[in-house]
Amino acid sequence: MASGWGITGNKGRCYDFWTDFSECMSRCREPKDCALLREDYLECLHHSKEEQYYKTLNVKCLVRIV
């Protein structure tokens, strides 16, 4: 992934997030300064926030139906 090549031979979907995070880590004093960029990169990889949002939305819809 960090090589920049995606599964189709083009740039990977999260490569831009990785380069931003990597550049920040190389020039910052404290790793916590790059926490938001790290969060963006991990969200791109795993979609955990998006998944949680849709689960919550689904539960709210089911509560209305029942």
Protein backbone atom coordinates (compact mmCIF):
# COMPACT_ATOMS: atom_id res chain seq x y z
CA MET A 1 0.00 0.00 0.00
CA ALA A 2 2.67 2.50 0.94
CA SER A 3 4.31 1.93 -2.43
CA GLY A 4 1.48 3.92 -3.98
CA TRP A 5 0.35 1.20 -6.37
CA GLY A 6 -3.23 0.02 -6.08
CA ILE A 7 -4.70 -3.32 -7.03
CA THR A 8 -5.41 -2.15 -10.59
CA GLY A 9 -1.92 -0.74 -11.15
CA ASN A 10 -2.98 2.85 -10.59
CA LYS A 11 -2.47 4.97 -7.53
CA GLY A 12 -4.04 3.37 -4.45
CA ARG A 13 -7.19 4.95 -3.05
CA CYS A 14 -5.52 5.88 0.26
CA TYR A 15 -2.10 6.83 -1.08
CA ASP A 16 -2.75 10.57 -0.88
CA PHE A 17 -3.75 10.22 2.76
CA TRP A 18 -0.62 8.17 3.39
CA THR A 19 1.70 10.73 1.81
CA ASP A 20 0.13 13.57 3.82
CA PHE A 21 0.49 11.59 7.05
CA SER A 22 4.02 10.47 6.22
CA GLU A 23 5.16 14.01 5.40
CA CYS A 24 3.65 15.30 8.62
CA MET A 25 5.40 12.61 10.67
CA SER A 26 8.75 13.42 9.07
CA ARG A 27 8.59 17.12 9.91
CA CYS A 28 6.66 17.30 13.20
CA ARG A 29 8.07 17.49 16.72
CA GLU A 30 5.38 15.40 18.38
CA PRO A 31 3.54 12.49 16.76
CA LYS A 32 0.30 13.78 18.26
CA ASP A 33 0.56 16.76 15.89
CA CYS A 34 -0.34 14.39 13.06
CA ALA A 35 -3.23 12.67 14.83
CA LEU A 36 -5.91 14.02 12.47
CA LEU A 37 -3.99 12.95 9.38
CA ARG A 38 -3.46 9.50 10.90
CA GLU A 39 -7.18 9.28 11.62
CA ASP A 40 -8.00 10.22 8.01
CA TYR A 41 -5.58 7.61 6.68
CA LEU A 42 -6.96 4.85 8.90
CA GLU A 43 -10.52 5.80 8.00
CA CYS A 44 -9.63 5.51 4.33
CA LEU A 45 -8.19 2.05 4.92
CA HIS A 46 -10.84 0.59 7.20
CA HIS A 47 -13.97 2.77 6.83
CA SER A 48 -14.69 2.27 10.54
CA LYS A 49 -16.41 5.63 11.10
CA GLU A 50 -18.48 5.25 7.96
CA GLU A 51 -19.47 1.73 8.97
CA GLN A 52 -20.46 2.89 12.46
CA TYR A 53 -22.51 5.72 10.98
CA TYR A 54 -24.49 3.34 8.76
CA LYS A 55 -25.02 0.88 11.61
CA THR A 56 -26.39 3.70 13.78
CA LEU A 57 -28.59 4.93 10.94
CA ASN A 58 -29.91 1.42 10.35
CA VAL A 59 -30.77 0.98 14.03
CA LYS A 60 -32.61 4.31 14.06
CA CYS A 61 -34.62 3.26 11.00
CA LEU A 62 -35.46 -0.10 12.53
CA VAL A 63 -36.65 1.58 15.73
CA ARG A 64 -39.03 3.75 13.69
CA ILE A 65 -40.42 0.72 11.85
CA VAL A 66 -40.97 -1.34 14.98
